Amino acid sequence: MAKSKKVASYSILFYGSPAGYQTNRAQIQLSDSKGKTLAWLRFNDPGMFFENDSMLGSIIKMHLPSSMFTNVLDVLRNESPVYIYFAQNRGFLSTSKEPVGEEE
């Protein structure tokens, strides 16, 4: 399995216009505790060109449908720790194991 990197912070960027920007509608940038960019989670509306996940140097580029934006943001706001990694030509965003019924 690829080495997971712990996410410490995030920032959000929305793209205007009917076409968005570089085939994307919105982006969430994930960073480590030192502010180093770990990943760009890019969101696409239905009908927009959908790129494959990839790595640019050490930065993961993960592409998701816009319908998942709220779910991803919910995980970033409410779960800890959160990890990002790249394996099998795909980006993965994950949490650690948690007990059932933790009531976060």
PDB file of N, CA and C in Angstrom:
ATOM      1  N   MET A   1       0.834  -1.183   0.000  1.00  0.00           N
ATOM      2  CA  MET A   1       0.000   0.000   0.000  1.00  0.00           C
ATOM      3  C   MET A   1       0.881   1.250   0.000  1.00  0.00           C
ATOM      4  N   ALA A   2       0.411   2.284  -0.660  1.00  0.00           N
ATOM      5  CA  ALA A   2       1.146   3.545  -0.711  1.00  0.00           C
ATOM      6  C   ALA A   2       1.164   4.205   0.661  1.00  0.00           C
ATOM      7  N   LYS A   3       2.155   5.041   0.882  1.00  0.00           N
ATOM      8  CA  LYS A   3       2.280   5.734   2.169  1.00  0.00           C
ATOM      9  C   LYS A   3       1.228   6.840   2.267  1.00  0.00           C
ATOM     10  N   SER A   4       0.423   6.779   3.321  1.00  0.00           N
ATOM     11  CA  SER A   4      -0.590   7.804   3.581  1.00  0.00           C
ATOM     12  C   SER A   4       0.071   9.036   4.166  1.00  0.00           C
ATOM     13  N   LYS A   5      -0.455  10.199   3.802  1.00  0.00           N
ATOM     14  CA  LYS A   5       0.022  11.459   4.366  1.00  0.00           C
ATOM     15  C   LYS A   5      -1.122  12.097   5.140  1.00  0.00           C
ATOM     16  N   LYS A   6      -0.813  12.563   6.343  1.00  0.00           N
ATOM     17  CA  LYS A   6      -1.828  13.157   7.207  1.00  0.00           C
ATOM     18  C   LYS A   6      -2.163  14.571   6.747  1.00  0.00           C
ATOM     19  N   VAL A   7      -3.454  14.851   6.605  1.00  0.00           N
ATOM     20  CA  VAL A   7      -3.945  16.165   6.195  1.00  0.00           C
ATOM     21  C   VAL A   7      -4.112  17.028   7.439  1.00  0.00           C
ATOM     22  N   ALA A   8      -3.510  18.220   7.429  1.00  0.00           N
ATOM     23  CA  ALA A   8      -3.601  19.131   8.571  1.00  0.00           C
ATOM     24  C   ALA A   8      -4.515  20.325   8.299  1.00  0.00           C
ATOM     25  N   SER A   9      -4.641  20.720   7.027  1.00  0.00           N
ATOM     26  CA  SER A   9      -5.478  21.879   6.704  1.00  0.00           C
ATOM     27  C   SER A   9      -5.961  21.778   5.260  1.00  0.00           C
ATOM     28  N   TYR A  10      -6.959  22.611   4.951  1.00  0.00           N
ATOM     29  CA  TYR A  10      -7.488  22.641   3.589  1.00  0.00           C
ATOM     30  C   TYR A  10      -7.921  24.054   3.238  1.00  0.00           C
ATOM     31  N   SER A  11      -8.000  24.319   1.937  1.00  0.00           N
ATOM     32  CA  SER A  11      -8.559  25.571   1.439  1.00  0.00           C
ATOM     33  C   SER A  11      -9.416  25.232   0.224  1.00  0.00           C
ATOM     34  N   ILE A  12     -10.396  26.093  -0.053  1.00  0.00           N
ATOM     35  CA  ILE A  12     -11.371  25.833  -1.111  1.00  0.00           C
ATOM     36  C   ILE A  12     -11.317  26.944  -2.144  1.00  0.00           C
ATOM     37  N   LEU A  13     -11.455  26.548  -3.401  1.00  0.00           N
ATOM     38  CA  LEU A  13     -11.497  27.497  -4.509  1.00  0.00           C
ATOM     39  C   LEU A  13     -12.640  27.080  -5.429  1.00  0.00           C
ATOM     40  N   PHE A  14     -13.553  28.014  -5.729  1.00  0.00           N
ATOM     41  CA  PHE A  14     -14.652  27.753  -6.659  1.00  0.00           C
ATOM     42  C   PHE A  14     -14.353  28.471  -7.966  1.00  0.00           C
ATOM     43  N   TYR A  15     -14.694  27.823  -9.075  1.00  0.00           N
ATOM     44  CA  TYR A  15     -14.463  28.405 -10.397  1.00  0.00           C
ATOM     45  C   TYR A  15     -15.792  28.842 -11.005  1.00  0.00           C
ATOM     46  N   GLY A  16     -15.869  30.084 -11.431  1.00  0.00           N
ATOM     47  CA  GLY A  16     -17.068  30.611 -12.066  1.00  0.00           C
ATOM     48  C   GLY A  16     -17.107  30.302 -13.553  1.00  0.00           C
ATOM     49  N   SER A  17     -18.111  30.799 -14.211  1.00  0.00           N
ATOM     50  CA  SER A  17     -18.405  30.677 -15.636  1.00  0.00           C
ATOM     51  C   SER A  17     -19.008  29.313 -15.949  1.00  0.00           C
ATOM     52  N   PRO A  18     -19.727  29.207 -17.029  1.00  0.00           N
ATOM     53  CA  PRO A  18     -20.348  27.922 -17.393  1.00  0.00           C
ATOM     54  C   PRO A  18     -19.340  26.788 -17.594  1.00  0.00           C
ATOM     55  N   ALA A  19     -18.118  27.116 -18.004  1.00  0.00           N
ATOM     56  CA  ALA A  19     -17.117  26.079 -18.286  1.00  0.00           C
ATOM     57  C   ALA A  19     -16.200  25.780 -17.102  1.00  0.00           C
ATOM     58  N   GLY A  20     -16.285  26.559 -16.031  1.00  0.00           N
ATOM     59  CA  GLY A  20     -15.360  26.360 -14.919  1.00  0.00           C
ATOM     60  C   GLY A  20     -13.959  26.775 -15.321  1.00  0.00           C
ATOM     61  N   TYR A  21     -12.953  26.081 -14.785  1.00  0.00           N
ATOM     62  CA  TYR A  21     -11.556  26.395 -15.094  1.00  0.00           C
ATOM     63  C   TYR A  21     -10.782  25.098 -15.242  1.00  0.00           C
ATOM     64  N   GLN A  22     -10.099  24.935 -16.342  1.00  0.00           N
ATOM     65  CA  GLN A  22      -9.304  23.745 -16.628  1.00  0.00           C
ATOM     66  C   GLN A  22     -10.115  22.473 -16.365  1.00  0.00           C
ATOM     67  N   THR A  23     -11.319  22.440 -16.870  1.00  0.00           N
ATOM     68  CA  THR A  23     -12.262  21.316 -16.766  1.00  0.00           C
ATOM     69  C   THR A  23     -12.821  21.100 -15.367  1.00  0.00           C
ATOM     70  N   ASN A  24     -12.611  22.014 -14.434  1.00  0.00           N
ATOM     71  CA  ASN A  24     -13.048  21.819 -13.053  1.00  0.00           C
ATOM     72  C   ASN A  24     -14.020  22.901 -12.608  1.00  0.00           C
ATOM     73  N   ARG A  25     -14.882  22.546 -11.659  1.00  0.00           N
ATOM     74  CA  ARG A  25     -15.848  23.481 -11.097  1.00  0.00           C
ATOM     75  C   ARG A  25     -15.362  24.041  -9.756  1.00  0.00           C
ATOM     76  N   ALA A  26     -14.652  23.205  -8.982  1.00  0.00           N
ATOM     77  CA  ALA A  26     -14.156  23.625  -7.669  1.00  0.00           C
ATOM     78  C   ALA A  26     -12.930  22.797  -7.313  1.00  0.00           C
ATOM     79  N   GLN A  27     -12.158  23.294  -6.348  1.00  0.00           N
ATOM     80  CA  GLN A  27     -10.958  22.574  -5.902  1.00  0.00           C
ATOM     81  C   GLN A  27     -10.798  22.732  -4.392  1.00  0.00           C
ATOM     82  N   ILE A  28     -10.420  21.639  -3.741  1.00  0.00           N
ATOM     83  CA  ILE A  28     -10.025  21.686  -2.341  1.00  0.00           C
ATOM     84  C   ILE A  28      -8.546  21.323  -2.297  1.00  0.00           C
ATOM     85  N   GLN A  29      -7.742  22.212  -1.749  1.00  0.00           N
ATOM     86  CA  GLN A  29      -6.306  21.944  -1.605  1.00  0.00           C
ATOM     87  C   GLN A  29      -6.063  21.406  -0.209  1.00  0.00           C
ATOM     88  N   LEU A  30      -5.382  20.265  -0.116  1.00  0.00           N
ATOM     89  CA  LEU A  30      -5.033  19.661   1.158  1.00  0.00           C
ATOM     90  C   LEU A  30      -3.563  19.909   1.444  1.00  0.00           C
ATOM     91  N   SER A  31      -3.239  20.255   2.691  1.00  0.00           N
ATOM     92  CA  SER A  31      -1.862  20.562   3.074  1.00  0.00           C
ATOM     93  C   SER A  31      -1.478  19.809   4.343  1.00  0.00           C
ATOM     94  N   ASP A  32      -0.163  19.640   4.537  1.00  0.00           N
ATOM     95  CA  ASP A  32       0.326  19.000   5.764  1.00  0.00           C
ATOM     96  C   ASP A  32       0.514  20.053   6.857  1.00  0.00           C
ATOM     97  N   SER A  33       1.045  19.663   7.996  1.00  0.00           N
ATOM     98  CA  SER A  33       1.185  20.573   9.135  1.00  0.00           C
ATOM     99  C   SER A  33       2.183  21.706   8.897  1.00  0.00           C
ATOM    100  N   LYS A  34       3.044  21.554   7.898  1.00  0.00           N
ATOM    101  CA  LYS A  34       4.011  22.605   7.562  1.00  0.00           C
ATOM    102  C   LYS A  34       3.525  23.498   6.424  1.00  0.00           C
ATOM    103  N   GLY A  35       2.298  23.253   5.944  1.00  0.00           N
ATOM    104  CA  GLY A  35       1.736  24.051   4.865  1.00  0.00           C
ATOM    105  C   GLY A  35       2.069  23.547   3.475  1.00  0.00           C
ATOM    106  N   LYS A  36       2.765  22.421   3.382  1.00  0.00           N
ATOM    107  CA  LYS A  36       3.125  21.854   2.081  1.00  0.00           C
ATOM    108  C   LYS A  36       1.890  21.221   1.441  1.00  0.00           C
ATOM    109  N   THR A  37       1.663  21.531   0.169  1.00  0.00           N
ATOM    110  CA  THR A  37       0.518  20.969  -0.546  1.00  0.00           C
ATOM    111  C   THR A  37       0.684  19.467  -0.714  1.00  0.00           C
ATOM    112  N   LEU A  38      -0.343  18.723  -0.300  1.00  0.00           N
ATOM    113  CA  LEU A  38      -0.365  17.267  -0.453  1.00  0.00           C
ATOM    114  C   LEU A  38      -1.203  16.848  -1.656  1.00  0.00           C
ATOM    115  N   ALA A  39      -2.324  17.557  -1.863  1.00  0.00           N
ATOM    116  CA  ALA A  39      -3.247  17.129  -2.919  1.00  0.00           C
ATOM    117  C   ALA A  39      -4.161  18.256  -3.343  1.00  0.00           C
ATOM    118  N   TRP A  40      -4.676  18.116  -4.568  1.00  0.00           N
ATOM    119  CA  TRP A  40      -5.752  18.953  -5.077  1.00  0.00           C
ATOM    120  C   TRP A  40      -6.909  18.022  -5.378  1.00  0.00           C
ATOM    121  N   LEU A  41      -8.027  18.204  -4.696  1.00  0.00           N
ATOM    122  CA  LEU A  41      -9.243  17.457  -4.976  1.00  0.00           C
ATOM    123  C   LEU A  41     -10.065  18.327  -5.899  1.00  0.00           C
ATOM    124  N   ARG A  42     -10.239  17.880  -7.125  1.00  0.00           N
ATOM    125  CA  ARG A  42     -10.920  18.688  -8.136  1.00  0.00           C
ATOM    126  C   ARG A  42     -12.278  18.084  -8.461  1.00  0.00           C
ATOM    127  N   PHE A  43     -13.267  18.948  -8.579  1.00  0.00           N
ATOM    128  CA  PHE A  43     -14.649  18.522  -8.738  1.00  0.00           C
ATOM    129  C   PHE A  43     -15.188  18.962 -10.093  1.00  0.00           C
ATOM    130  N   ASN A  44     -15.909  18.050 -10.744  1.00  0.00           N
ATOM    131  CA  ASN A  44     -16.442  18.287 -12.081  1.00  0.00           C
ATOM    132  C   ASN A  44     -17.956  18.102 -12.097  1.00  0.00           C
ATOM    133  N   ASP A  45     -18.648  19.011 -12.799  1.00  0.00           N
ATOM    134  CA  ASP A  45     -20.084  18.887 -13.002  1.00  0.00           C
ATOM    135  C   ASP A  45     -20.364  17.832 -14.067  1.00  0.00           C
ATOM    136  N   PRO A  46     -21.591  17.283 -14.094  1.00  0.00           N
ATOM    137  CA  PRO A  46     -21.952  16.358 -15.168  1.00  0.00           C
ATOM    138  C   PRO A  46     -21.745  17.014 -16.529  1.00  0.00           C
ATOM    139  N   GLY A  47     -21.199  16.276 -17.464  1.00  0.00           N
ATOM    140  CA  GLY A  47     -20.950  16.785 -18.808  1.00  0.00           C
ATOM    141  C   GLY A  47     -19.587  17.436 -18.990  1.00  0.00           C
ATOM    142  N   MET A  48     -18.889  17.764 -17.891  1.00  0.00           N
ATOM    143  CA  MET A  48     -17.542  18.329 -18.002  1.00  0.00           C
ATOM    144  C   MET A  48     -16.542  17.200 -18.244  1.00  0.00           C
ATOM    145  N   PHE A  49     -15.441  17.512 -18.906  1.00  0.00           N
ATOM    146  CA  PHE A  49     -14.377  16.532 -19.110  1.00  0.00           C
ATOM    147  C   PHE A  49     -13.851  16.079 -17.756  1.00  0.00           C
ATOM    148  N   PHE A  50     -13.680  14.789 -17.587  1.00  0.00           N
ATOM    149  CA  PHE A  50     -13.279  14.213 -16.309  1.00  0.00           C
ATOM    150  C   PHE A  50     -11.896  13.596 -16.465  1.00  0.00           C
ATOM    151  N   GLU A  51     -10.888  14.212 -15.837  1.00  0.00           N
ATOM    152  CA  GLU A  51      -9.514  13.716 -15.925  1.00  0.00           C
ATOM    153  C   GLU A  51      -9.311  12.503 -15.023  1.00  0.00           C
ATOM    154  N   ASN A  52      -8.288  11.713 -15.330  1.00  0.00           N
ATOM    155  CA  ASN A  52      -7.883  10.618 -14.458  1.00  0.00           C
ATOM    156  C   ASN A  52      -7.114  11.181 -13.273  1.00  0.00           C
ATOM    157  N   ASP A  53      -7.169  10.494 -12.140  1.00  0.00           N
ATOM    158  CA  ASP A  53      -6.334  10.868 -11.000  1.00  0.00           C
ATOM    159  C   ASP A  53      -4.875  10.701 -11.403  1.00  0.00           C
ATOM    160  N   SER A  54      -3.998  11.502 -10.799  1.00  0.00           N
ATOM    161  CA  SER A  54      -2.578  11.440 -11.150  1.00  0.00           C
ATOM    162  C   SER A  54      -1.749  12.054 -10.031  1.00  0.00           C
ATOM    163  N   MET A  55      -0.434  12.006 -10.225  1.00  0.00           N
ATOM    164  CA  MET A  55       0.486  12.697  -9.311  1.00  0.00           C
ATOM    165  C   MET A  55       1.314  13.666 -10.124  1.00  0.00           C
ATOM    166  N   LEU A  56       1.481  14.851  -9.599  1.00  0.00           N
ATOM    167  CA  LEU A  56       2.326  15.880 -10.198  1.00  0.00           C
ATOM    168  C   LEU A  56       3.448  16.109  -9.203  1.00  0.00           C
ATOM    169  N   GLY A  57       4.597  15.449  -9.425  1.00  0.00           N
ATOM    170  CA  GLY A  57       5.659  15.448  -8.420  1.00  0.00           C
ATOM    171  C   GLY A  57       5.155  14.660  -7.220  1.00  0.00           C
ATOM    172  N   SER A  58       5.046  15.323  -6.070  1.00  0.00           N
ATOM    173  CA  SER A  58       4.526  14.658  -4.873  1.00  0.00           C
ATOM    174  C   SER A  58       3.080  15.052  -4.569  1.00  0.00           C
ATOM    175  N   ILE A  59       2.456  15.837  -5.456  1.00  0.00           N
ATOM    176  CA  ILE A  59       1.091  16.318  -5.231  1.00  0.00           C
ATOM    177  C   ILE A  59       0.094  15.412  -5.948  1.00  0.00           C
ATOM    178  N   ILE A  60      -0.880  14.926  -5.196  1.00  0.00           N
ATOM    179  CA  ILE A  60      -1.931  14.077  -5.756  1.00  0.00           C
ATOM    180  C   ILE A  60      -3.000  14.965  -6.385  1.00  0.00           C
ATOM    181  N   LYS A  61      -3.431  14.600  -7.587  1.00  0.00           N
ATOM    182  CA  LYS A  61      -4.553  15.266  -8.252  1.00  0.00           C
ATOM    183  C   LYS A  61      -5.681  14.244  -8.327  1.00  0.00           C
ATOM    184  N   MET A  62      -6.699  14.450  -7.493  1.00  0.00           N
ATOM    185  CA  MET A  62      -7.828  13.529  -7.402  1.00  0.00           C
ATOM    186  C   MET A  62      -9.060  14.207  -7.983  1.00  0.00           C
ATOM    187  N   HIS A  63      -9.779  13.513  -8.865  1.00  0.00           N
ATOM    188  CA  HIS A  63     -10.932  14.097  -9.552  1.00  0.00           C
ATOM    189  C   HIS A  63     -12.213  13.399  -9.110  1.00  0.00           C
ATOM    190  N   LEU A  64     -13.198  14.203  -8.718  1.00  0.00           N
ATOM    191  CA  LEU A  64     -14.457  13.700  -8.182  1.00  0.00           C
ATOM    192  C   LEU A  64     -15.631  14.444  -8.806  1.00  0.00           C
ATOM    193  N   PRO A  65     -16.802  13.812  -8.837  1.00  0.00           N
ATOM    194  CA  PRO A  65     -17.980  14.539  -9.313  1.00  0.00           C
ATOM    195  C   PRO A  65     -18.382  15.621  -8.309  1.00  0.00           C
ATOM    196  N   SER A  66     -18.930  16.716  -8.801  1.00  0.00           N
ATOM    197  CA  SER A  66     -19.353  17.821  -7.940  1.00  0.00           C
ATOM    198  C   SER A  66     -20.355  17.370  -6.882  1.00  0.00           C
ATOM    199  N   SER A  67     -21.114  16.326  -7.172  1.00  0.00           N
ATOM    200  CA  SER A  67     -22.094  15.828  -6.210  1.00  0.00           C
ATOM    201  C   SER A  67     -21.434  15.312  -4.929  1.00  0.00           C
ATOM    202  N   MET A  68     -20.134  15.043  -4.947  1.00  0.00           N
ATOM    203  CA  MET A  68     -19.427  14.562  -3.756  1.00  0.00           C
ATOM    204  C   MET A  68     -18.785  15.686  -2.939  1.00  0.00           C
ATOM    205  N   PHE A  69     -18.868  16.934  -3.417  1.00  0.00           N
ATOM    206  CA  PHE A  69     -18.202  18.047  -2.743  1.00  0.00           C
ATOM    207  C   PHE A  69     -18.637  18.163  -1.277  1.00  0.00           C
ATOM    208  N   THR A  70     -19.939  18.152  -1.019  1.00  0.00           N
ATOM    209  CA  THR A  70     -20.447  18.308   0.345  1.00  0.00           C
ATOM    210  C   THR A  70     -19.973  17.176   1.240  1.00  0.00           C
ATOM    211  N   ASN A  71     -19.964  15.944   0.727  1.00  0.00           N
ATOM    212  CA  ASN A  71     -19.510  14.802   1.522  1.00  0.00           C
ATOM    213  C   ASN A  71     -18.032  14.929   1.883  1.00  0.00           C
ATOM    214  N   VAL A  72     -17.207  15.327   0.926  1.00  0.00           N
ATOM    215  CA  VAL A  72     -15.774  15.494   1.180  1.00  0.00           C
ATOM    216  C   VAL A  72     -15.560  16.603   2.203  1.00  0.00           C
ATOM    217  N   LEU A  73     -16.252  17.712   2.044  1.00  0.00           N
ATOM    218  CA  LEU A  73     -16.124  18.822   2.989  1.00  0.00           C
ATOM    219  C   LEU A  73     -16.565  18.394   4.395  1.00  0.00           C
ATOM    220  N   ASP A  74     -17.608  17.596   4.491  1.00  0.00           N
ATOM    221  CA  ASP A  74     -18.076  17.089   5.781  1.00  0.00           C
ATOM    222  C   ASP A  74     -16.996  16.246   6.459  1.00  0.00           C
ATOM    223  N   VAL A  75     -16.329  15.392   5.705  1.00  0.00           N
ATOM    224  CA  VAL A  75     -15.244  14.579   6.262  1.00  0.00           C
ATOM    225  C   VAL A  75     -14.113  15.480   6.760  1.00  0.00           C
ATOM    226  N   LEU A  76     -13.727  16.470   5.955  1.00  0.00           N
ATOM    227  CA  LEU A  76     -12.633  17.360   6.356  1.00  0.00           C
ATOM    228  C   LEU A  76     -12.981  18.181   7.597  1.00  0.00           C
ATOM    229  N   ARG A  77     -14.229  18.568   7.738  1.00  0.00           N
ATOM    230  CA  ARG A  77     -14.655  19.377   8.884  1.00  0.00           C
ATOM    231  C   ARG A  77     -14.823  18.564  10.158  1.00  0.00           C
ATOM    232  N   ASN A  78     -15.246  17.303  10.010  1.00  0.00           N
ATOM    233  CA  ASN A  78     -15.704  16.556  11.182  1.00  0.00           C
ATOM    234  C   ASN A  78     -14.886  15.334  11.566  1.00  0.00           C
ATOM    235  N   GLU A  79     -13.985  14.900  10.738  1.00  0.00           N
ATOM    236  CA  GLU A  79     -13.203  13.709  11.050  1.00  0.00           C
ATOM    237  C   GLU A  79     -11.749  14.087  11.323  1.00  0.00           C
ATOM    238  N   SER A  80     -11.113  13.312  12.170  1.00  0.00           N
ATOM    239  CA  SER A  80      -9.698  13.527  12.454  1.00  0.00           C
ATOM    240  C   SER A  80      -9.132  12.247  13.040  1.00  0.00           C
ATOM    241  N   PRO A  81      -8.027  11.812  12.559  1.00  0.00           N
ATOM    242  CA  PRO A  81      -7.245  12.361  11.457  1.00  0.00           C
ATOM    243  C   PRO A  81      -7.792  11.929  10.100  1.00  0.00           C
ATOM    244  N   VAL A  82      -7.408  12.692   9.068  1.00  0.00           N
ATOM    245  CA  VAL A  82      -7.748  12.398   7.682  1.00  0.00           C
ATOM    246  C   VAL A  82      -6.437  12.204   6.926  1.00  0.00           C
ATOM    247  N   TYR A  83      -6.426  11.229   6.024  1.00  0.00           N
ATOM    248  CA  TYR A  83      -5.228  10.897   5.258  1.00  0.00           C
ATOM    249  C   TYR A  83      -5.515  10.925   3.763  1.00  0.00           C
ATOM    250  N   ILE A  84      -4.473  11.174   2.980  1.00  0.00           N
ATOM    251  CA  ILE A  84      -4.541  11.127   1.518  1.00  0.00           C
ATOM    252  C   ILE A  84      -3.396  10.254   1.030  1.00  0.00           C
ATOM    253  N   TYR A  85      -3.669   9.438   0.005  1.00  0.00           N
ATOM    254  CA  TYR A  85      -2.597   8.661  -0.627  1.00  0.00           C
ATOM    255  C   TYR A  85      -2.965   8.335  -2.059  1.00  0.00           C
ATOM    256  N   PHE A  86      -1.990   7.888  -2.822  1.00  0.00           N
ATOM    257  CA  PHE A  86      -2.153   7.559  -4.231  1.00  0.00           C
ATOM    258  C   PHE A  86      -1.665   6.136  -4.461  1.00  0.00           C
ATOM    259  N   ALA A  87      -2.521   5.299  -5.033  1.00  0.00           N
ATOM    260  CA  ALA A  87      -2.169   3.906  -5.325  1.00  0.00           C
ATOM    261  C   ALA A  87      -3.033   3.418  -6.478  1.00  0.00           C
ATOM    262  N   GLN A  88      -2.506   2.508  -7.269  1.00  0.00           N
ATOM    263  CA  GLN A  88      -3.242   1.924  -8.391  1.00  0.00           C
ATOM    264  C   GLN A  88      -3.844   2.992  -9.303  1.00  0.00           C
ATOM    265  N   ASN A  89      -3.085   4.074  -9.529  1.00  0.00           N
ATOM    266  CA  ASN A  89      -3.494   5.183 -10.397  1.00  0.00           C
ATOM    267  C   ASN A  89      -4.757   5.898  -9.915  1.00  0.00           C
ATOM    268  N   ARG A  90      -4.970   5.907  -8.593  1.00  0.00           N
ATOM    269  CA  ARG A  90      -6.131   6.581  -8.018  1.00  0.00           C
ATOM    270  C   ARG A  90      -5.744   7.299  -6.730  1.00  0.00           C
ATOM    271  N   GLY A  91      -6.439   8.419  -6.479  1.00  0.00           N
ATOM    272  CA  GLY A  91      -6.298   9.094  -5.206  1.00  0.00           C
ATOM    273  C   GLY A  91      -7.271   8.496  -4.205  1.00  0.00           C
ATOM    274  N   PHE A  92      -6.869   8.447  -2.941  1.00  0.00           N
ATOM    275  CA  PHE A  92      -7.707   7.924  -1.864  1.00  0.00           C
ATOM    276  C   PHE A  92      -7.697   8.908  -0.707  1.00  0.00           C
ATOM    277  N   LEU A  93      -8.871   9.263  -0.204  1.00  0.00           N
ATOM    278  CA  LEU A  93      -9.025  10.103   0.974  1.00  0.00           C
ATOM    279  C   LEU A  93      -9.645   9.215   2.037  1.00  0.00           C
ATOM    280  N   SER A  94      -9.031   9.163   3.218  1.00  0.00           N
ATOM    281  CA  SER A  94      -9.505   8.220   4.230  1.00  0.00           C
ATOM    282  C   SER A  94      -9.424   8.795   5.635  1.00  0.00           C
ATOM    283  N   THR A  95     -10.093   8.112   6.546  1.00  0.00           N
ATOM    284  CA  THR A  95     -10.001   8.414   7.967  1.00  0.00           C
ATOM    285  C   THR A  95      -9.357   7.213   8.648  1.00  0.00           C
ATOM    286  N   SER A  96      -9.075   7.352   9.928  1.00  0.00           N
ATOM    287  CA  SER A  96      -8.573   6.213  10.693  1.00  0.00           C
ATOM    288  C   SER A  96      -9.758   5.399  11.201  1.00  0.00           C
ATOM    289  N   LYS A  97      -9.483   4.234  11.757  1.00  0.00           N
ATOM    290  CA  LYS A  97     -10.551   3.409  12.329  1.00  0.00           C
ATOM    291  C   LYS A  97     -11.169   4.129  13.512  1.00  0.00           C
ATOM    292  N   GLU A  98     -12.500   4.060  13.602  1.00  0.00           N
ATOM    293  CA  GLU A  98     -13.224   4.679  14.700  1.00  0.00           C
ATOM    294  C   GLU A  98     -14.245   3.699  15.240  1.00  0.00           C
ATOM    295  N   PRO A  99     -14.548   3.776  16.525  1.00  0.00           N
ATOM    296  CA  PRO A  99     -15.571   2.897  17.083  1.00  0.00           C
ATOM    297  C   PRO A  99     -16.954   3.276  16.582  1.00  0.00           C
ATOM    298  N   VAL A 100     -17.833   2.278  16.442  1.00  0.00           N
ATOM    299  CA  VAL A 100     -19.211   2.508  16.042  1.00  0.00           C
ATOM    300  C   VAL A 100     -19.908   3.346  17.111  1.00  0.00           C
ATOM    301  N   GLY A 101     -20.743   4.313  16.685  1.00  0.00           N
ATOM    302  CA  GLY A 101     -21.520   5.114  17.627  1.00  0.00           C
ATOM    303  C   GLY A 101     -20.739   6.153  18.372  1.00  0.00           C
ATOM    304  N   GLU A 102     -19.634   6.607  17.800  1.00  0.00           N
ATOM    305  CA  GLU A 102     -18.772   7.576  18.486  1.00  0.00           C
ATOM    306  C   GLU A 102     -19.461   8.930  18.661  1.00  0.00           C
ATOM    307  N   GLU A 103     -20.466   9.202  17.850  1.00  0.00           N
ATOM    308  CA  GLU A 103     -21.256  10.446  17.920  1.00  0.00           C
ATOM    309  C   GLU A 103     -20.417  11.702  17.756  1.00  0.00           C
ATOM    310  N   GLU A 104     -19.761  11.838  16.624  1.00  0.00           N
ATOM    311  CA  GLU A 104     -18.980  13.055  16.379  1.00  0.00           C
ATOM    312  C   GLU A 104     -19.913  14.145  16.033  1.00  0.00           C
TER     313      GLU A 104
END
